[in-house]
PDB file of N, CA and C in Angstrom:
ATOM      1  N   MET A   1      16.021 -35.292 -17.178  1.00  0.00           N
ATOM      2  CA  MET A   1      14.976 -34.582 -17.886  1.00  0.00           C
ATOM      3  C   MET A   1      15.375 -34.498 -19.353  1.00  0.00           C
ATOM      4  N   VAL A   2      14.502 -34.886 -20.206  1.00  0.00           N
ATOM      5  CA  VAL A   2      14.757 -34.848 -21.643  1.00  0.00           C
ATOM      6  C   VAL A   2      14.315 -33.501 -22.164  1.00  0.00           C
ATOM      7  N   ARG A   3      15.208 -32.873 -22.902  1.00  0.00           N
ATOM      8  CA  ARG A   3      14.897 -31.550 -23.430  1.00  0.00           C
ATOM      9  C   ARG A   3      14.708 -31.665 -24.927  1.00  0.00           C
ATOM     10  N   ALA A   4      13.575 -31.222 -25.396  1.00  0.00           N
ATOM     11  CA  ALA A   4      13.291 -31.281 -26.823  1.00  0.00           C
ATOM     12  C   ALA A   4      13.898 -30.075 -27.505  1.00  0.00           C
ATOM     13  N   GLU A   5      14.487 -30.318 -28.630  1.00  0.00           N
ATOM     14  CA  GLU A   5      15.041 -29.229 -29.433  1.00  0.00           C
ATOM     15  C   GLU A   5      13.916 -28.597 -30.234  1.00  0.00           C
ATOM     16  N   PRO A   6      13.881 -27.268 -30.297  1.00  0.00           N
ATOM     17  CA  PRO A   6      12.828 -26.618 -31.081  1.00  0.00           C
ATOM     18  C   PRO A   6      13.001 -26.932 -32.561  1.00  0.00           C
ATOM     19  N   ARG A   7      11.896 -27.232 -33.185  1.00  0.00           N
ATOM     20  CA  ARG A   7      11.923 -27.519 -34.620  1.00  0.00           C
ATOM     21  C   ARG A   7      11.187 -26.404 -35.332  1.00  0.00           C
ATOM     22  N   GLY A   8      11.678 -26.074 -36.490  1.00  0.00           N
ATOM     23  CA  GLY A   8      11.069 -25.006 -37.259  1.00  0.00           C
ATOM     24  C   GLY A   8       9.758 -25.395 -37.909  1.00  0.00           C
ATOM     25  N   ASP A   9       9.504 -26.697 -38.061  1.00  0.00           N
ATOM     26  CA  ASP A   9       8.304 -27.151 -38.771  1.00  0.00           C
ATOM     27  C   ASP A   9       7.132 -27.447 -37.838  1.00  0.00           C
ATOM     28  N   VAL A  10       7.234 -27.083 -36.548  1.00  0.00           N
ATOM     29  CA  VAL A  10       6.153 -27.341 -35.590  1.00  0.00           C
ATOM     30  C   VAL A  10       5.153 -26.200 -35.683  1.00  0.00           C
ATOM     31  N   THR A  11       3.921 -26.558 -35.936  1.00  0.00           N
ATOM     32  CA  THR A  11       2.862 -25.554 -36.043  1.00  0.00           C
ATOM     33  C   THR A  11       2.270 -25.284 -34.660  1.00  0.00           C
ATOM     34  N   PRO A  12       1.582 -24.169 -34.501  1.00  0.00           N
ATOM     35  CA  PRO A  12       0.933 -23.885 -33.212  1.00  0.00           C
ATOM     36  C   PRO A  12      -0.049 -24.978 -32.795  1.00  0.00           C
ATOM     37  N   SER A  13      -0.749 -25.573 -33.737  1.00  0.00           N
ATOM     38  CA  SER A  13      -1.695 -26.637 -33.367  1.00  0.00           C
ATOM     39  C   SER A  13      -0.955 -27.886 -32.905  1.00  0.00           C
ATOM     40  N   ASP A  14       0.236 -28.157 -33.499  1.00  0.00           N
ATOM     41  CA  ASP A  14       1.051 -29.284 -33.028  1.00  0.00           C
ATOM     42  C   ASP A  14       1.511 -29.044 -31.595  1.00  0.00           C
ATOM     43  N   ARG A  15       1.934 -27.814 -31.316  1.00  0.00           N
ATOM     44  CA  ARG A  15       2.385 -27.476 -29.955  1.00  0.00           C
ATOM     45  C   ARG A  15       1.236 -27.603 -28.966  1.00  0.00           C
ATOM     46  N   ALA A  16       0.056 -27.130 -29.358  1.00  0.00           N
ATOM     47  CA  ALA A  16      -1.111 -27.213 -28.480  1.00  0.00           C
ATOM     48  C   ALA A  16      -1.450 -28.677 -28.203  1.00  0.00           C
ATOM     49  N   GLU A  17      -1.343 -29.512 -29.217  1.00  0.00           N
ATOM     50  CA  GLU A  17      -1.647 -30.936 -29.038  1.00  0.00           C
ATOM     51  C   GLU A  17      -0.631 -31.586 -28.101  1.00  0.00           C
ATOM     52  N   GLU A  18       0.633 -31.235 -28.249  1.00  0.00           N
ATOM     53  CA  GLU A  18       1.662 -31.785 -27.367  1.00  0.00           C
ATOM     54  C   GLU A  18       1.443 -31.329 -25.926  1.00  0.00           C
ATOM     55  N   LEU A  19       1.081 -30.066 -25.765  1.00  0.00           N
ATOM     56  CA  LEU A  19       0.818 -29.557 -24.419  1.00  0.00           C
ATOM     57  C   LEU A  19      -0.398 -30.225 -23.791  1.00  0.00           C
ATOM     58  N   LEU A  20      -1.404 -30.476 -24.587  1.00  0.00           N
ATOM     59  CA  LEU A  20      -2.592 -31.158 -24.086  1.00  0.00           C
ATOM     60  C   LEU A  20      -2.246 -32.571 -23.628  1.00  0.00           C
ATOM     61  N   LYS A  21      -1.424 -33.279 -24.405  1.00  0.00           N
ATOM     62  CA  LYS A  21      -0.986 -34.625 -24.006  1.00  0.00           C
ATOM     63  C   LYS A  21      -0.203 -34.569 -22.708  1.00  0.00           C
ATOM     64  N   LEU A  22       0.676 -33.579 -22.593  1.00  0.00           N
ATOM     65  CA  LEU A  22       1.456 -33.430 -21.370  1.00  0.00           C
ATOM     66  C   LEU A  22       0.543 -33.168 -20.174  1.00  0.00           C
ATOM     67  N   ALA A  23      -0.443 -32.310 -20.347  1.00  0.00           N
ATOM     68  CA  ALA A  23      -1.380 -32.004 -19.261  1.00  0.00           C
ATOM     69  C   ALA A  23      -2.153 -33.248 -18.846  1.00  0.00           C
ATOM     70  N   GLU A  24      -2.580 -34.032 -19.810  1.00  0.00           N
ATOM     71  CA  GLU A  24      -3.310 -35.269 -19.490  1.00  0.00           C
ATOM     72  C   GLU A  24      -2.416 -36.240 -18.752  1.00  0.00           C
ATOM     73  N   HIS A  25      -1.160 -36.332 -19.181  1.00  0.00           N
ATOM     74  CA  HIS A  25      -0.209 -37.227 -18.523  1.00  0.00           C
ATOM     75  C   HIS A  25       0.034 -36.796 -17.079  1.00  0.00           C
ATOM     76  N   LEU A  26       0.229 -35.501 -16.880  1.00  0.00           N
ATOM     77  CA  LEU A  26       0.434 -34.987 -15.525  1.00  0.00           C
ATOM     78  C   LEU A  26      -0.779 -35.226 -14.644  1.00  0.00           C
ATOM     79  N   GLN A  27      -1.952 -35.120 -15.231  1.00  0.00           N
ATOM     80  CA  GLN A  27      -3.184 -35.331 -14.460  1.00  0.00           C
ATOM     81  C   GLN A  27      -3.266 -36.767 -13.971  1.00  0.00           C
ATOM     82  N   THR A  28      -2.761 -37.729 -14.725  1.00  0.00           N
ATOM     83  CA  THR A  28      -2.807 -39.130 -14.281  1.00  0.00           C
ATOM     84  C   THR A  28      -1.736 -39.411 -13.234  1.00  0.00           C
ATOM     85  N   ILE A  29      -0.630 -38.675 -13.270  1.00  0.00           N
ATOM     86  CA  ILE A  29       0.464 -38.909 -12.326  1.00  0.00           C
ATOM     87  C   ILE A  29       0.229 -38.182 -11.006  1.00  0.00           C
ATOM     88  N   LEU A  30      -0.148 -36.924 -11.088  1.00  0.00           N
ATOM     89  CA  LEU A  30      -0.313 -36.106  -9.883  1.00  0.00           C
ATOM     90  C   LEU A  30      -1.700 -36.298  -9.297  1.00  0.00           C
ATOM     91  N   LEU A  31      -1.737 -36.674  -8.056  1.00  0.00           N
ATOM     92  CA  LEU A  31      -3.011 -36.885  -7.377  1.00  0.00           C
ATOM     93  C   LEU A  31      -3.206 -35.798  -6.330  1.00  0.00           C
ATOM     94  N   PRO A  32      -4.441 -35.366  -6.137  1.00  0.00           N
ATOM     95  CA  PRO A  32      -4.678 -34.346  -5.109  1.00  0.00           C
ATOM     96  C   PRO A  32      -4.351 -34.895  -3.720  1.00  0.00           C
ATOM     97  N   VAL A  33      -3.792 -34.035  -2.893  1.00  0.00           N
ATOM     98  CA  VAL A  33      -3.412 -34.436  -1.544  1.00  0.00           C
ATOM     99  C   VAL A  33      -4.176 -33.565  -0.563  1.00  0.00           C
ATOM    100  N   GLU A  34      -4.722 -34.184   0.462  1.00  0.00           N
ATOM    101  CA  GLU A  34      -5.434 -33.453   1.501  1.00  0.00           C
ATOM    102  C   GLU A  34      -4.695 -33.652   2.813  1.00  0.00           C
ATOM    103  N   PRO A  35      -4.397 -32.569   3.503  1.00  0.00           N
ATOM    104  CA  PRO A  35      -3.667 -32.720   4.772  1.00  0.00           C
ATOM    105  C   PRO A  35      -4.526 -33.430   5.809  1.00  0.00           C
ATOM    106  N   ALA A  36      -3.870 -34.036   6.742  1.00  0.00           N
ATOM    107  CA  ALA A  36      -4.568 -34.769   7.801  1.00  0.00           C
ATOM    108  C   ALA A  36      -5.379 -33.801   8.658  1.00  0.00           C
ATOM    109  N   ALA A  37      -6.451 -34.310   9.211  1.00  0.00           N
ATOM    110  CA  ALA A  37      -7.325 -33.480  10.046  1.00  0.00           C
ATOM    111  C   ALA A  37      -6.557 -32.921  11.239  1.00  0.00           C
ATOM    112  N   SER A  38      -5.675 -33.710  11.826  1.00  0.00           N
ATOM    113  CA  SER A  38      -4.911 -33.231  12.986  1.00  0.00           C
ATOM    114  C   SER A  38      -4.000 -32.065  12.590  1.00  0.00           C
ATOM    115  N   PHE A  39      -3.427 -32.112  11.394  1.00  0.00           N
ATOM    116  CA  PHE A  39      -2.583 -31.008  10.914  1.00  0.00           C
ATOM    117  C   PHE A  39      -3.418 -29.742  10.749  1.00  0.00           C
ATOM    118  N   ARG A  40      -4.596 -29.863  10.154  1.00  0.00           N
ATOM    119  CA  ARG A  40      -5.454 -28.690   9.951  1.00  0.00           C
ATOM    120  C   ARG A  40      -5.881 -28.091  11.283  1.00  0.00           C
ATOM    121  N   GLN A  41      -6.233 -28.945  12.242  1.00  0.00           N
ATOM    122  CA  GLN A  41      -6.650 -28.455  13.559  1.00  0.00           C
ATOM    123  C   GLN A  41      -5.507 -27.729  14.261  1.00  0.00           C
ATOM    124  N   GLN A  42      -4.307 -28.322  14.208  1.00  0.00           N
ATOM    125  CA  GLN A  42      -3.149 -27.692  14.845  1.00  0.00           C
ATOM    126  C   GLN A  42      -2.818 -26.365  14.168  1.00  0.00           C
ATOM    127  N   LEU A  43      -2.907 -26.317  12.851  1.00  0.00           N
ATOM    128  CA  LEU A  43      -2.640 -25.091  12.110  1.00  0.00           C
ATOM    129  C   LEU A  43      -3.629 -24.001  12.506  1.00  0.00           C
ATOM    130  N   ARG A  44      -4.913 -24.351  12.613  1.00  0.00           N
ATOM    131  CA  ARG A  44      -5.922 -23.376  13.023  1.00  0.00           C
ATOM    132  C   ARG A  44      -5.633 -22.844  14.424  1.00  0.00           C
ATOM    133  N   ARG A  45      -5.296 -23.740  15.360  1.00  0.00           N
ATOM    134  CA  ARG A  45      -4.980 -23.300  16.729  1.00  0.00           C
ATOM    135  C   ARG A  45      -3.779 -22.357  16.729  1.00  0.00           C
ATOM    136  N   ASP A  46      -2.740 -22.722  15.977  1.00  0.00           N
ATOM    137  CA  ASP A  46      -1.535 -21.882  15.920  1.00  0.00           C
ATOM    138  C   ASP A  46      -1.842 -20.506  15.336  1.00  0.00           C
ATOM    139  N   LEU A  47      -2.612 -20.479  14.264  1.00  0.00           N
ATOM    140  CA  LEU A  47      -2.943 -19.199  13.632  1.00  0.00           C
ATOM    141  C   LEU A  47      -3.814 -18.343  14.546  1.00  0.00           C
ATOM    142  N   ASP A  48      -4.779 -18.961  15.217  1.00  0.00           N
ATOM    143  CA  ASP A  48      -5.628 -18.218  16.159  1.00  0.00           C
ATOM    144  C   ASP A  48      -4.796 -17.651  17.308  1.00  0.00           C
ATOM    145  N   ARG A  49      -3.889 -18.473  17.857  1.00  0.00           N
ATOM    146  CA  ARG A  49      -3.039 -18.023  18.954  1.00  0.00           C
ATOM    147  C   ARG A  49      -2.155 -16.857  18.504  1.00  0.00           C
ATOM    148  N   ASP A  50      -1.558 -16.983  17.337  1.00  0.00           N
ATOM    149  CA  ASP A  50      -0.702 -15.909  16.826  1.00  0.00           C
ATOM    150  C   ASP A  50      -1.491 -14.621  16.589  1.00  0.00           C
ATOM    151  N   ALA A  51      -2.712 -14.754  16.081  1.00  0.00           N
ATOM    152  CA  ALA A  51      -3.542 -13.567  15.830  1.00  0.00           C
ATOM    153  C   ALA A  51      -3.894 -12.872  17.148  1.00  0.00           C
ATOM    154  N   ARG A  52      -4.254 -13.643  18.163  1.00  0.00           N
ATOM    155  CA  ARG A  52      -4.568 -13.047  19.466  1.00  0.00           C
ATOM    156  C   ARG A  52      -3.341 -12.365  20.060  1.00  0.00           C
ATOM    157  N   TYR A  53      -2.190 -12.991  19.941  1.00  0.00           N
ATOM    158  CA  TYR A  53      -0.953 -12.403  20.458  1.00  0.00           C
ATOM    159  C   TYR A  53      -0.642 -11.081  19.756  1.00  0.00           C
ATOM    160  N   ARG A  54      -0.776 -11.059  18.454  1.00  0.00           N
ATOM    161  CA  ARG A  54      -0.492  -9.833  17.696  1.00  0.00           C
ATOM    162  C   ARG A  54      -1.451  -8.706  18.086  1.00  0.00           C
ATOM    163  N   GLN A  55      -2.722  -9.046  18.312  1.00  0.00           N
ATOM    164  CA  GLN A  55      -3.692  -8.021  18.687  1.00  0.00           C
ATOM    165  C   GLN A  55      -3.383  -7.459  20.072  1.00  0.00           C
ATOM    166  N   ARG A  56      -2.980  -8.309  20.999  1.00  0.00           N
ATOM    167  CA  ARG A  56      -2.672  -7.848  22.356  1.00  0.00           C
ATOM    168  C   ARG A  56      -1.391  -7.042  22.419  1.00  0.00           C
ATOM    169  N   HIS A  57      -0.424  -7.409  21.599  1.00  0.00           N
ATOM    170  CA  HIS A  57       0.891  -6.778  21.675  1.00  0.00           C
ATOM    171  C   HIS A  57       1.152  -5.802  20.534  1.00  0.00           C
ATOM    172  N   ALA A  58       0.102  -5.377  19.893  1.00  0.00           N
ATOM    173  CA  ALA A  58       0.279  -4.413  18.800  1.00  0.00           C
ATOM    174  C   ALA A  58       0.718  -3.084  19.385  1.00  0.00           C
ATOM    175  N   LYS A  59       1.805  -2.554  18.837  1.00  0.00           N
ATOM    176  CA  LYS A  59       2.318  -1.276  19.308  1.00  0.00           C
ATOM    177  C   LYS A  59       2.015  -0.214  18.262  1.00  0.00           C
ATOM    178  N   THR A  60       1.396   0.850  18.738  1.00  0.00           N
ATOM    179  CA  THR A  60       1.121   1.962  17.841  1.00  0.00           C
ATOM    180  C   THR A  60       1.958   3.146  18.288  1.00  0.00           C
ATOM    181  N   SER A  61       2.415   3.887  17.326  1.00  0.00           N
ATOM    182  CA  SER A  61       3.257   5.039  17.636  1.00  0.00           C
ATOM    183  C   SER A  61       2.389   6.176  18.188  1.00  0.00           C
ATOM    184  N   LEU A  62       3.069   7.152  18.768  1.00  0.00           N
ATOM    185  CA  LEU A  62       2.372   8.324  19.300  1.00  0.00           C
ATOM    186  C   LEU A  62       1.623   9.044  18.186  1.00  0.00           C
ATOM    187  N   PHE A  63       2.267   9.128  17.011  1.00  0.00           N
ATOM    188  CA  PHE A  63       1.597   9.779  15.877  1.00  0.00           C
ATOM    189  C   PHE A  63       0.330   9.024  15.485  1.00  0.00           C
ATOM    190  N   GLN A  64       0.386   7.703  15.438  1.00  0.00           N
ATOM    191  CA  GLN A  64      -0.795   6.923  15.054  1.00  0.00           C
ATOM    192  C   GLN A  64      -1.919   7.098  16.068  1.00  0.00           C
ATOM    193  N   GLN A  65      -1.568   7.197  17.341  1.00  0.00           N
ATOM    194  CA  GLN A  65      -2.589   7.349  18.373  1.00  0.00           C
ATOM    195  C   GLN A  65      -3.269   8.709  18.294  1.00  0.00           C
ATOM    196  N   HIS A  66      -2.532   9.745  17.907  1.00  0.00           N
ATOM    197  CA  HIS A  66      -3.065  11.107  17.924  1.00  0.00           C
ATOM    198  C   HIS A  66      -3.056  11.745  16.540  1.00  0.00           C
ATOM    199  N   ARG A  67      -3.118  10.924  15.510  1.00  0.00           N
ATOM    200  CA  ARG A  67      -3.003  11.403  14.133  1.00  0.00           C
ATOM    201  C   ARG A  67      -4.033  12.473  13.799  1.00  0.00           C
ATOM    202  N   THR A  68      -5.280  12.265  14.128  1.00  0.00           N
ATOM    203  CA  THR A  68      -6.326  13.222  13.766  1.00  0.00           C
ATOM    204  C   THR A  68      -6.098  14.564  14.458  1.00  0.00           C
ATOM    205  N   GLY A  69      -5.798  14.534  15.746  1.00  0.00           N
ATOM    206  CA  GLY A  69      -5.551  15.780  16.471  1.00  0.00           C
ATOM    207  C   GLY A  69      -4.349  16.524  15.925  1.00  0.00           C
ATOM    208  N   ILE A  70      -3.298  15.790  15.582  1.00  0.00           N
ATOM    209  CA  ILE A  70      -2.095  16.428  15.033  1.00  0.00           C
ATOM    210  C   ILE A  70      -2.415  17.080  13.694  1.00  0.00           C
ATOM    211  N   LEU A  71      -3.137  16.382  12.853  1.00  0.00           N
ATOM    212  CA  LEU A  71      -3.467  16.937  11.538  1.00  0.00           C
ATOM    213  C   LEU A  71      -4.351  18.179  11.657  1.00  0.00           C
ATOM    214  N   ILE A  72      -5.308  18.152  12.568  1.00  0.00           N
ATOM    215  CA  ILE A  72      -6.167  19.324  12.772  1.00  0.00           C
ATOM    216  C   ILE A  72      -5.339  20.484  13.300  1.00  0.00           C
ATOM    217  N   GLY A  73      -4.416  20.212  14.233  1.00  0.00           N
ATOM    218  CA  GLY A  73      -3.562  21.259  14.779  1.00  0.00           C
ATOM    219  C   GLY A  73      -2.668  21.878  13.709  1.00  0.00           C
ATOM    220  N   VAL A  74      -2.084  21.040  12.857  1.00  0.00           N
ATOM    221  CA  VAL A  74      -1.228  21.547  11.786  1.00  0.00           C
ATOM    222  C   VAL A  74      -2.049  22.393  10.809  1.00  0.00           C
ATOM    223  N   ALA A  75      -3.246  21.950  10.497  1.00  0.00           N
ATOM    224  CA  ALA A  75      -4.107  22.716   9.592  1.00  0.00           C
ATOM    225  C   ALA A  75      -4.482  24.064  10.216  1.00  0.00           C
ATOM    226  N   ALA A  76      -4.758  24.083  11.505  1.00  0.00           N
ATOM    227  CA  ALA A  76      -5.110  25.335  12.185  1.00  0.00           C
ATOM    228  C   ALA A  76      -3.930  26.300  12.190  1.00  0.00           C
ATOM    229  N   VAL A  77      -2.744  25.789  12.472  1.00  0.00           N
ATOM    230  CA  VAL A  77      -1.545  26.648  12.464  1.00  0.00           C
ATOM    231  C   VAL A  77      -1.312  27.203  11.070  1.00  0.00           C
ATOM    232  N   GLY A  78      -1.500  26.376  10.050  1.00  0.00           N
ATOM    233  CA  GLY A  78      -1.351  26.850   8.673  1.00  0.00           C
ATOM    234  C   GLY A  78      -2.348  27.939   8.339  1.00  0.00           C
ATOM    235  N   SER A  79      -3.576  27.777   8.791  1.00  0.00           N
ATOM    236  CA  SER A  79      -4.604  28.797   8.534  1.00  0.00           C
ATOM    237  C   SER A  79      -4.265  30.103   9.230  1.00  0.00           C
ATOM    238  N   VAL A  80      -3.835  30.025  10.484  1.00  0.00           N
ATOM    239  CA  VAL A  80      -3.458  31.230  11.226  1.00  0.00           C
ATOM    240  C   VAL A  80      -2.286  31.915  10.540  1.00  0.00           C
ATOM    241  N   ALA A  81      -1.313  31.141  10.086  1.00  0.00           N
ATOM    242  CA  ALA A  81      -0.159  31.720   9.399  1.00  0.00           C
ATOM    243  C   ALA A  81      -0.590  32.438   8.120  1.00  0.00           C
ATOM    244  N   SER A  82      -1.533  31.861   7.398  1.00  0.00           N
ATOM    245  CA  SER A  82      -2.029  32.505   6.181  1.00  0.00           C
ATOM    246  C   SER A  82      -2.720  33.821   6.494  1.00  0.00           C
ATOM    247  N   VAL A  83      -3.577  33.835   7.497  1.00  0.00           N
ATOM    248  CA  VAL A  83      -4.300  35.058   7.873  1.00  0.00           C
ATOM    249  C   VAL A  83      -3.312  36.126   8.338  1.00  0.00           C
ATOM    250  N   LEU A  84      -2.323  35.746   9.149  1.00  0.00           N
ATOM    251  CA  LEU A  84      -1.317  36.705   9.607  1.00  0.00           C
ATOM    252  C   LEU A  84      -0.508  37.245   8.436  1.00  0.00           C
ATOM    253  N   GLY A  85      -0.177  36.396   7.496  1.00  0.00           N
ATOM    254  CA  GLY A  85       0.571  36.840   6.321  1.00  0.00           C
ATOM    255  C   GLY A  85      -0.194  37.879   5.529  1.00  0.00           C
ATOM    256  N   VAL A  86      -1.483  37.653   5.331  1.00  0.00           N
ATOM    257  CA  VAL A  86      -2.312  38.616   4.597  1.00  0.00           C
ATOM    258  C   VAL A  86      -2.426  39.913   5.390  1.00  0.00           C
ATOM    259  N   ALA A  87      -2.612  39.832   6.703  1.00  0.00           N
ATOM    260  CA  ALA A  87      -2.726  41.039   7.537  1.00  0.00           C
ATOM    261  C   ALA A  87      -1.433  41.848   7.510  1.00  0.00           C
ATOM    262  N   ILE A  88      -0.290  41.189   7.610  1.00  0.00           N
ATOM    263  CA  ILE A  88       0.997  41.888   7.564  1.00  0.00           C
ATOM    264  C   ILE A  88       1.199  42.537   6.201  1.00  0.00           C
ATOM    265  N   LEU A  89       0.872  41.826   5.149  1.00  0.00           N
ATOM    266  CA  LEU A  89       0.989  42.392   3.803  1.00  0.00           C
ATOM    267  C   LEU A  89       0.117  43.637   3.671  1.00  0.00           C
ATOM    268  N   TYR A  90      -1.102  43.578   4.168  1.00  0.00           N
ATOM    269  CA  TYR A  90      -2.006  44.731   4.105  1.00  0.00           C
ATOM    270  C   TYR A  90      -1.428  45.921   4.882  1.00  0.00           C
ATOM    271  N   LEU A  91      -0.928  45.680   6.091  1.00  0.00           N
ATOM    272  CA  LEU A  91      -0.359  46.762   6.902  1.00  0.00           C
ATOM    273  C   LEU A  91       0.869  47.372   6.229  1.00  0.00           C
ATOM    274  N   LEU A  92       1.732  46.546   5.692  1.00  0.00           N
ATOM    275  CA  LEU A  92       2.931  47.064   5.025  1.00  0.00           C
ATOM    276  C   LEU A  92       2.562  47.904   3.802  1.00  0.00           C
ATOM    277  N   ARG A  93       1.618  47.460   3.031  1.00  0.00           N
ATOM    278  CA  ARG A  93       1.197  48.229   1.851  1.00  0.00           C
ATOM    279  C   ARG A  93       0.555  49.545   2.268  1.00  0.00           C
ATOM    280  N   HIS A  94      -0.246  49.493   3.340  1.00  0.00           N
ATOM    281  CA  HIS A  94      -0.916  50.707   3.826  1.00  0.00           C
ATOM    282  C   HIS A  94       0.129  51.730   4.305  1.00  0.00           C
ATOM    283  N   ARG A  95       1.125  51.271   5.057  1.00  0.00           N
ATOM    284  CA  ARG A  95       2.183  52.175   5.537  1.00  0.00           C
ATOM    285  C   ARG A  95       3.004  52.722   4.366  1.00  0.00           C
ATOM    286  N   HIS A  96       3.285  51.844   3.386  1.00  0.00           N
ATOM    287  CA  HIS A  96       4.071  52.288   2.235  1.00  0.00           C
ATOM    288  C   HIS A  96       3.319  53.384   1.464  1.00  0.00           C
ATOM    289  N   ARG A  97       2.012  53.214   1.287  1.00  0.00           N
ATOM    290  CA  ARG A  97       1.205  54.221   0.583  1.00  0.00           C
ATOM    291  C   ARG A  97       1.170  55.526   1.372  1.00  0.00           C
ATOM    292  N   ALA A  98       1.033  55.398   2.690  1.00  0.00           N
ATOM    293  CA  ALA A  98       0.972  56.608   3.524  1.00  0.00           C
ATOM    294  C   ALA A  98       2.315  57.337   3.455  1.00  0.00           C
ATOM    295  N   ALA A  99       3.422  56.602   3.488  1.00  0.00           N
ATOM    296  CA  ALA A  99       4.741  57.226   3.412  1.00  0.00           C
ATOM    297  C   ALA A  99       4.964  57.864   2.057  1.00  0.00           C
ATOM    298  N   THR A 100       4.465  57.232   1.011  1.00  0.00           N
ATOM    299  CA  THR A 100       4.617  57.777  -0.341  1.00  0.00           C
ATOM    300  C   THR A 100       3.806  59.055  -0.496  1.00  0.00           C
ATOM    301  N   GLN A 101       2.610  59.129   0.095  1.00  0.00           N
ATOM    302  CA  GLN A 101       1.774  60.329   0.001  1.00  0.00           C
ATOM    303  C   GLN A 101       2.389  61.495   0.763  1.00  0.00           C
ATOM    304  N   VAL A 102       3.000  61.202   1.929  1.00  0.00           N
ATOM    305  CA  VAL A 102       3.629  62.267   2.721  1.00  0.00           C
ATOM    306  C   VAL A 102       4.840  62.816   1.959  1.00  0.00           C
ATOM    307  N   ALA A 103       5.613  61.933   1.356  1.00  0.00           N
ATOM    308  CA  ALA A 103       6.801  62.352   0.618  1.00  0.00           C
ATOM    309  C   ALA A 103       6.419  63.136  -0.626  1.00  0.00           C
ATOM    310  N   ALA A 104       5.331  62.773  -1.271  1.00  0.00           N
ATOM    311  CA  ALA A 104       4.900  63.465  -2.492  1.00  0.00           C
ATOM    312  C   ALA A 104       4.211  64.793  -2.154  1.00  0.00           C
ATOM    313  N   GLY A 105       3.619  64.904  -1.032  1.00  0.00           N
ATOM    314  CA  GLY A 105       2.816  66.049  -0.671  1.00  0.00           C
ATOM    315  C   GLY A 105       3.557  67.132  -0.088  1.00  0.00           C
TER     316      GLY A 105
END
């Protein structure tokens, strides 16, 4: 492979022209290739077989199978915990006020 040394006097238009020549040269050398029909048919059969196998043998975790139910359950537990927290806070404040009034009175 011949490596060209960068020159300081090369303008962008010179570089573009050189690249265009290279592209044209490559276009004449490289020809499009099409795979044989038998290869394409075999590839399609293999891909179809693999896809069917993956669908039949797909393993899902317990969480994936019951994800919605688990999320709803966690949300419900969180809601109950919040309501209980507010109720306990209210009761504690009520008792504290009652104890403070008895002590002051």
